[in-house]
Amino acid sequence: MASVESVLIFNLIIALIGLACVLGTTLLGASKISNPIKQITQIAQAIASGNLNQQITVHQKDEIGKLAKDFREMISNLKNKADAATEIANGNLEVQVNAQSADDVLGNAMITMKESLVAMKNDLQKTIDAQKAGDLDSKCDPAKFTGAYAELLEGVNSTLDAVIEPMSEGISILEEYAK
């Protein structure tokens, strides 16, 4: 009987050791998955709140590594767009703005915004140059624009009218006196 008991105890010990190994391997594997996911989740939350100064340190050769790589690329693209937006806000309309694809809503909107600002600047410059050259009838073309852009150009035209009309009347009166 003692030998049967010894064999049972030995088998029980082996089973417990095997169970501990399986449990340890499972916990190690779970932490290899959960820790990177936790890091990426925290970074995603920071990005969602507008903080792009994030570093993903996960470098694995599995789906989690691919997710981390895609997040790094997304952060880089968003930083580039933020830098371009800052340049545009500072008046630099020469800055390069890129869309990552036809589906890049933010990139395409920024390109359209920059194009509108460049077109408005060009229209204003054309009007300024013509006015300086003596073409007092030259005005901006707000019909080419929408929203606040059109309103600004209409305001410029109204300001020009407010300045030019009294001058034109004065010139007409002087011409009458000259006759």
Foldseek 3Di string as FASTA:
>chain_A
DVVVVVVVVVVVVVVVVVVVVVVVVVVVVVCLPPVLVVLVVVQVVCVVVPDLPDDRPDCDDDPSNVVSVVVVVVSVLVVLLVVQVVCVVVPPLVDDQDAPDPPRPSSVVVVVVSVLVVVLVVQVVVQVVCVVVPNLVRAGDLVVDDDPSSVVRVVVVVVSCVVVVVVVVVVVVVVVVVD
